[in-house]
N, C-alpha and C. Protein backbone atom coordinates (compact mmCIF):
# COMPACT_ATOMS: atom_id res chain seq x y z
N MET A 1 90.55 91.97 122.91
CA MET A 1 90.56 92.29 121.50
C MET A 1 89.60 93.45 121.24
N ALA A 2 90.00 94.32 120.38
CA ALA A 2 89.18 95.49 120.07
C ALA A 2 87.96 95.08 119.26
N ASP A 3 86.87 95.81 119.48
CA ASP A 3 85.65 95.54 118.73
C ASP A 3 85.71 96.06 117.31
N ARG A 4 86.56 97.04 117.11
CA ARG A 4 86.69 97.58 115.75
C ARG A 4 88.12 98.05 115.52
N PHE A 5 88.44 98.14 114.27
CA PHE A 5 89.78 98.55 113.87
C PHE A 5 89.62 99.62 112.81
N GLU A 6 90.30 100.73 113.00
CA GLU A 6 90.26 101.80 112.01
C GLU A 6 91.68 102.19 111.64
N LEU A 7 91.87 102.53 110.40
CA LEU A 7 93.18 102.94 109.92
C LEU A 7 93.00 104.09 108.94
N ALA A 8 93.68 105.17 109.20
CA ALA A 8 93.69 106.27 108.24
C ALA A 8 94.76 105.95 107.20
N GLU A 9 94.32 105.49 106.05
CA GLU A 9 95.25 105.02 105.03
C GLU A 9 96.32 106.06 104.69
N SER A 10 95.90 107.29 104.47
CA SER A 10 96.87 108.31 104.07
C SER A 10 97.92 108.54 105.16
N ASP A 11 97.50 108.52 106.43
CA ASP A 11 98.45 108.69 107.52
C ASP A 11 99.42 107.51 107.60
N ALA A 12 98.90 106.31 107.43
CA ALA A 12 99.76 105.12 107.48
C ALA A 12 100.74 105.11 106.31
N VAL A 13 100.28 105.50 105.15
CA VAL A 13 101.17 105.57 103.97
C VAL A 13 102.28 106.60 104.21
N ARG A 14 101.91 107.76 104.73
CA ARG A 14 102.93 108.79 105.01
C ARG A 14 103.93 108.30 106.05
N ALA A 15 103.45 107.62 107.09
CA ALA A 15 104.36 107.08 108.11
C ALA A 15 105.30 106.05 107.50
N GLY A 16 104.77 105.20 106.65
CA GLY A 16 105.60 104.21 105.98
C GLY A 16 106.64 104.86 105.08
N GLU A 17 106.23 105.87 104.36
CA GLU A 17 107.17 106.58 103.48
C GLU A 17 108.27 107.27 104.28
N ARG A 18 107.90 107.84 105.44
CA ARG A 18 108.92 108.48 106.29
C ARG A 18 109.91 107.45 106.83
N ALA A 19 109.42 106.29 107.24
CA ALA A 19 110.31 105.24 107.74
C ALA A 19 111.22 104.74 106.63
N GLU A 20 110.68 104.58 105.45
CA GLU A 20 111.50 104.13 104.32
C GLU A 20 112.57 105.16 103.99
N SER A 21 112.20 106.42 104.00
CA SER A 21 113.15 107.49 103.73
C SER A 21 114.24 107.55 104.80
N ALA A 22 113.84 107.41 106.06
CA ALA A 22 114.82 107.42 107.15
C ALA A 22 115.80 106.26 106.99
N GLY A 23 115.29 105.11 106.62
CA GLY A 23 116.16 103.95 106.41
C GLY A 23 117.13 104.17 105.27
N GLU A 24 116.65 104.78 104.20
CA GLU A 24 117.53 105.06 103.06
C GLU A 24 118.62 106.05 103.45
N ARG A 25 118.25 107.09 104.22
CA ARG A 25 119.25 108.07 104.67
C ARG A 25 120.27 107.41 105.59
N LEU A 26 119.80 106.55 106.47
CA LEU A 26 120.71 105.85 107.38
C LEU A 26 121.65 104.93 106.60
N GLN A 27 121.15 104.28 105.58
CA GLN A 27 122.01 103.42 104.76
C GLN A 27 123.07 104.25 104.03
N ARG A 28 122.67 105.42 103.51
CA ARG A 28 123.65 106.29 102.84
C ARG A 28 124.70 106.77 103.83
N ALA A 29 124.26 107.18 105.03
CA ALA A 29 125.21 107.64 106.05
C ALA A 29 126.15 106.51 106.44
N HIS A 30 125.61 105.33 106.59
CA HIS A 30 126.44 104.17 106.92
C HIS A 30 127.48 103.92 105.83
N GLY A 31 127.05 103.97 104.58
CA GLY A 31 127.98 103.77 103.47
C GLY A 31 129.08 104.81 103.44
N ASN A 32 128.71 106.07 103.69
CA ASN A 32 129.71 107.14 103.72
C ASN A 32 130.70 106.94 104.86
N LEU A 33 130.18 106.61 106.04
CA LEU A 33 131.05 106.38 107.19
C LEU A 33 131.97 105.19 106.95
N ALA A 34 131.42 104.10 106.44
CA ALA A 34 132.23 102.90 106.20
C ALA A 34 133.35 103.18 105.20
N SER A 35 133.06 103.95 104.16
CA SER A 35 134.10 104.23 103.17
C SER A 35 135.22 105.09 103.76
N VAL A 36 134.85 106.06 104.62
CA VAL A 36 135.87 106.89 105.27
C VAL A 36 136.71 106.04 106.22
N LEU A 37 136.05 105.20 107.02
CA LEU A 37 136.78 104.35 107.96
C LEU A 37 137.70 103.38 107.23
N ASP A 38 137.22 102.82 106.13
CA ASP A 38 138.05 101.91 105.34
C ASP A 38 139.26 102.64 104.76
N ALA A 39 139.02 103.84 104.23
CA ALA A 39 140.11 104.60 103.62
C ALA A 39 141.17 105.03 104.64
N ARG A 40 140.73 105.26 105.86
CA ARG A 40 141.65 105.76 106.89
C ARG A 40 142.05 104.69 107.90
N ASN A 41 141.57 103.48 107.67
CA ASN A 41 141.85 102.39 108.60
C ASN A 41 141.47 102.78 110.02
N GLY A 42 140.26 103.24 110.18
CA GLY A 42 139.79 103.71 111.48
C GLY A 42 139.79 105.22 111.48
N CYS A 43 139.41 105.80 112.59
CA CYS A 43 139.34 107.26 112.63
C CYS A 43 140.01 107.83 113.87
N TRP A 44 140.76 107.02 114.59
CA TRP A 44 141.23 107.45 115.90
C TRP A 44 142.54 108.21 115.86
N GLY A 45 143.31 108.07 114.83
CA GLY A 45 144.56 108.81 114.75
C GLY A 45 145.69 108.10 115.48
N THR A 46 146.87 108.67 115.34
CA THR A 46 148.07 108.04 115.92
C THR A 46 148.62 108.79 117.12
N ASP A 47 147.97 109.89 117.51
CA ASP A 47 148.45 110.62 118.69
C ASP A 47 147.98 109.91 119.96
N GLN A 48 148.34 110.43 121.10
CA GLN A 48 148.02 109.79 122.38
C GLN A 48 146.51 109.65 122.59
N ILE A 49 145.75 110.69 122.26
CA ILE A 49 144.30 110.63 122.43
C ILE A 49 143.70 109.61 121.46
N GLY A 50 144.18 109.60 120.23
CA GLY A 50 143.69 108.64 119.25
C GLY A 50 143.97 107.20 119.66
N LYS A 51 145.16 106.95 120.16
CA LYS A 51 145.51 105.60 120.61
C LYS A 51 144.67 105.18 121.81
N ALA A 52 144.40 106.10 122.72
CA ALA A 52 143.56 105.79 123.89
C ALA A 52 142.13 105.48 123.43
N PHE A 53 141.63 106.25 122.46
CA PHE A 53 140.29 106.00 121.92
C PHE A 53 140.23 104.63 121.26
N GLU A 54 141.24 104.35 120.43
CA GLU A 54 141.27 103.06 119.75
C GLU A 54 141.28 101.90 120.75
N LYS A 55 142.08 102.03 121.77
CA LYS A 55 142.19 100.97 122.78
C LYS A 55 140.84 100.72 123.46
N ALA A 56 140.10 101.78 123.72
CA ALA A 56 138.83 101.65 124.45
C ALA A 56 137.66 101.25 123.55
N TYR A 57 137.70 101.60 122.25
CA TYR A 57 136.50 101.45 121.43
C TYR A 57 136.65 100.60 120.17
N VAL A 58 137.83 100.20 119.79
CA VAL A 58 138.00 99.50 118.52
C VAL A 58 137.22 98.18 118.49
N GLU A 59 137.09 97.51 119.62
CA GLU A 59 136.36 96.24 119.63
C GLU A 59 134.88 96.42 119.33
N TYR A 60 134.35 97.64 119.50
CA TYR A 60 132.94 97.91 119.23
C TYR A 60 132.69 98.43 117.82
N ALA A 61 133.74 98.79 117.13
CA ALA A 61 133.58 99.44 115.82
C ALA A 61 132.92 98.53 114.79
N ASP A 62 133.41 97.31 114.63
CA ASP A 62 132.84 96.42 113.61
C ASP A 62 131.40 96.03 113.92
N PRO A 63 131.07 95.64 115.16
CA PRO A 63 129.66 95.36 115.44
C PRO A 63 128.74 96.56 115.21
N LEU A 64 129.23 97.75 115.54
CA LEU A 64 128.43 98.96 115.31
C LEU A 64 128.20 99.17 113.82
N ARG A 65 129.23 98.97 113.02
CA ARG A 65 129.08 99.13 111.57
C ARG A 65 128.06 98.14 111.03
N GLU A 66 128.15 96.90 111.45
CA GLU A 66 127.23 95.89 110.95
C GLU A 66 125.79 96.17 111.40
N ASN A 67 125.64 96.54 112.66
CA ASN A 67 124.29 96.80 113.18
C ASN A 67 123.66 98.05 112.57
N SER A 68 124.45 99.08 112.33
CA SER A 68 123.88 100.28 111.74
C SER A 68 123.45 100.02 110.30
N LYS A 69 124.15 99.16 109.60
CA LYS A 69 123.74 98.78 108.24
C LYS A 69 122.39 98.06 108.29
N SER A 70 122.26 97.10 109.20
CA SER A 70 121.00 96.36 109.34
C SER A 70 119.86 97.27 109.76
N LEU A 71 120.15 98.23 110.63
CA LEU A 71 119.12 99.14 111.10
C LEU A 71 118.53 99.94 109.93
N GLY A 72 119.36 100.43 109.07
CA GLY A 72 118.88 101.17 107.90
C GLY A 72 118.03 100.29 106.99
N GLU A 73 118.48 99.06 106.78
CA GLU A 73 117.72 98.13 105.94
C GLU A 73 116.37 97.83 106.59
N ASN A 74 116.36 97.66 107.91
CA ASN A 74 115.12 97.35 108.62
C ASN A 74 114.13 98.51 108.58
N PHE A 75 114.62 99.74 108.76
CA PHE A 75 113.73 100.90 108.67
C PHE A 75 113.08 100.96 107.29
N SER A 76 113.88 100.76 106.27
CA SER A 76 113.33 100.79 104.91
C SER A 76 112.29 99.70 104.72
N GLY A 77 112.60 98.51 105.22
CA GLY A 77 111.67 97.39 105.08
C GLY A 77 110.37 97.62 105.83
N VAL A 78 110.45 98.16 107.03
CA VAL A 78 109.25 98.46 107.80
C VAL A 78 108.41 99.51 107.08
N GLY A 79 109.09 100.50 106.53
CA GLY A 79 108.37 101.54 105.79
C GLY A 79 107.64 100.98 104.59
N THR A 80 108.31 100.14 103.83
CA THR A 80 107.69 99.53 102.66
C THR A 80 106.52 98.65 103.07
N ALA A 81 106.72 97.84 104.11
CA ALA A 81 105.65 96.95 104.57
C ALA A 81 104.45 97.73 105.09
N THR A 82 104.70 98.83 105.80
CA THR A 82 103.60 99.66 106.32
C THR A 82 102.81 100.28 105.19
N THR A 83 103.50 100.81 104.21
CA THR A 83 102.84 101.41 103.06
C THR A 83 102.02 100.37 102.31
N ASP A 84 102.61 99.22 102.05
CA ASP A 84 101.90 98.16 101.33
C ASP A 84 100.68 97.69 102.11
N MET A 85 100.83 97.50 103.42
CA MET A 85 99.73 97.04 104.26
C MET A 85 98.58 98.05 104.25
N ALA A 86 98.90 99.33 104.37
CA ALA A 86 97.85 100.35 104.38
C ALA A 86 97.09 100.36 103.06
N ARG A 87 97.80 100.23 101.97
CA ARG A 87 97.14 100.22 100.66
C ARG A 87 96.30 98.96 100.47
N GLU A 88 96.80 97.83 100.94
CA GLU A 88 96.03 96.59 100.84
C GLU A 88 94.76 96.65 101.68
N LEU A 89 94.87 97.18 102.90
CA LEU A 89 93.68 97.33 103.74
C LEU A 89 92.66 98.28 103.11
N ALA A 90 93.13 99.33 102.49
CA ALA A 90 92.23 100.26 101.82
C ALA A 90 91.53 99.56 100.65
N ASP A 91 92.27 98.73 99.91
CA ASP A 91 91.66 97.98 98.81
C ASP A 91 90.60 97.00 99.32
N VAL A 92 90.89 96.32 100.43
CA VAL A 92 89.92 95.39 101.03
C VAL A 92 88.68 96.16 101.47
N ASP A 93 88.89 97.30 102.12
CA ASP A 93 87.77 98.11 102.57
C ASP A 93 86.90 98.56 101.39
N GLU A 94 87.54 99.02 100.35
CA GLU A 94 86.81 99.47 99.17
C GLU A 94 86.05 98.31 98.52
N ASP A 95 86.69 97.16 98.43
CA ASP A 95 86.05 95.98 97.86
C ASP A 95 84.84 95.56 98.70
N ASN A 96 85.00 95.57 100.03
CA ASN A 96 83.87 95.23 100.90
C ASN A 96 82.71 96.21 100.73
N ALA A 97 83.03 97.49 100.63
CA ALA A 97 81.98 98.50 100.44
C ALA A 97 81.23 98.25 99.13
N LYS A 98 81.95 97.92 98.08
CA LYS A 98 81.31 97.64 96.78
C LYS A 98 80.43 96.40 96.87
N ARG A 99 80.89 95.39 97.59
CA ARG A 99 80.09 94.17 97.74
C ARG A 99 78.81 94.46 98.51
N PHE A 100 78.93 95.21 99.62
CA PHE A 100 77.73 95.56 100.38
C PHE A 100 76.77 96.37 99.53
N ASP A 101 77.31 97.35 98.82
CA ASP A 101 76.46 98.17 97.95
C ASP A 101 75.76 97.30 96.91
N GLY A 102 76.50 96.38 96.32
CA GLY A 102 75.93 95.52 95.29
C GLY A 102 74.87 94.58 95.82
N LEU A 103 75.04 94.11 97.05
CA LEU A 103 74.08 93.16 97.61
C LEU A 103 72.85 93.82 98.20
N TYR A 104 73.05 94.98 98.83
CA TYR A 104 71.97 95.55 99.63
C TYR A 104 71.47 96.91 99.18
N ALA A 105 72.07 97.52 98.23
CA ALA A 105 71.68 98.89 97.87
C ALA A 105 70.22 98.97 97.45
N ASP A 106 69.74 97.98 96.71
CA ASP A 106 68.35 98.02 96.24
C ASP A 106 67.36 97.57 97.29
N ASP A 107 67.83 96.98 98.39
CA ASP A 107 66.94 96.43 99.40
C ASP A 107 67.24 97.04 100.77
N ILE A 108 67.44 98.34 100.81
CA ILE A 108 67.88 99.01 102.04
C ILE A 108 66.86 98.89 103.17
N GLU A 109 65.60 98.83 102.84
CA GLU A 109 64.59 98.76 103.88
C GLU A 109 64.65 97.44 104.65
N SER A 110 65.08 96.37 104.02
CA SER A 110 65.08 95.07 104.69
C SER A 110 66.17 94.96 105.74
N TRP A 111 67.20 95.76 105.68
CA TRP A 111 68.26 95.66 106.69
C TRP A 111 68.38 96.91 107.54
N SER A 112 67.47 97.84 107.39
CA SER A 112 67.45 99.04 108.23
C SER A 112 66.64 98.75 109.49
N GLU A 113 66.98 99.44 110.56
CA GLU A 113 66.22 99.29 111.81
C GLU A 113 64.82 99.85 111.62
N GLU A 114 63.89 99.11 112.16
CA GLU A 114 62.52 99.59 112.11
C GLU A 114 62.27 100.46 113.32
N GLU A 115 61.45 101.45 113.16
CA GLU A 115 61.13 102.34 114.27
C GLU A 115 59.94 101.87 115.02
């Protein structure tokens, strides 16, 4: 276990925001793809190449659609959780600093190292 833990709040918040944004973009892309596939009943076509593609890959299409939807939701959730966690840790840190200041600020000599 580490002796200390440090977190750059602003960096963690930015990382969380990027993950949330990536998840939202993935969800939009998934929605766009799903609507096109639904409208066209697949995307493989009726020619020989399309039929060969459908035969080889159609069984994977629905699981891929479902998993890509979940992936976008998960990215967004991780981003939100990361941002919230960073802000909560910053609040705890600030609260602890205020408590220390309130308890010891007037009595600094009693807890300082003596030379």
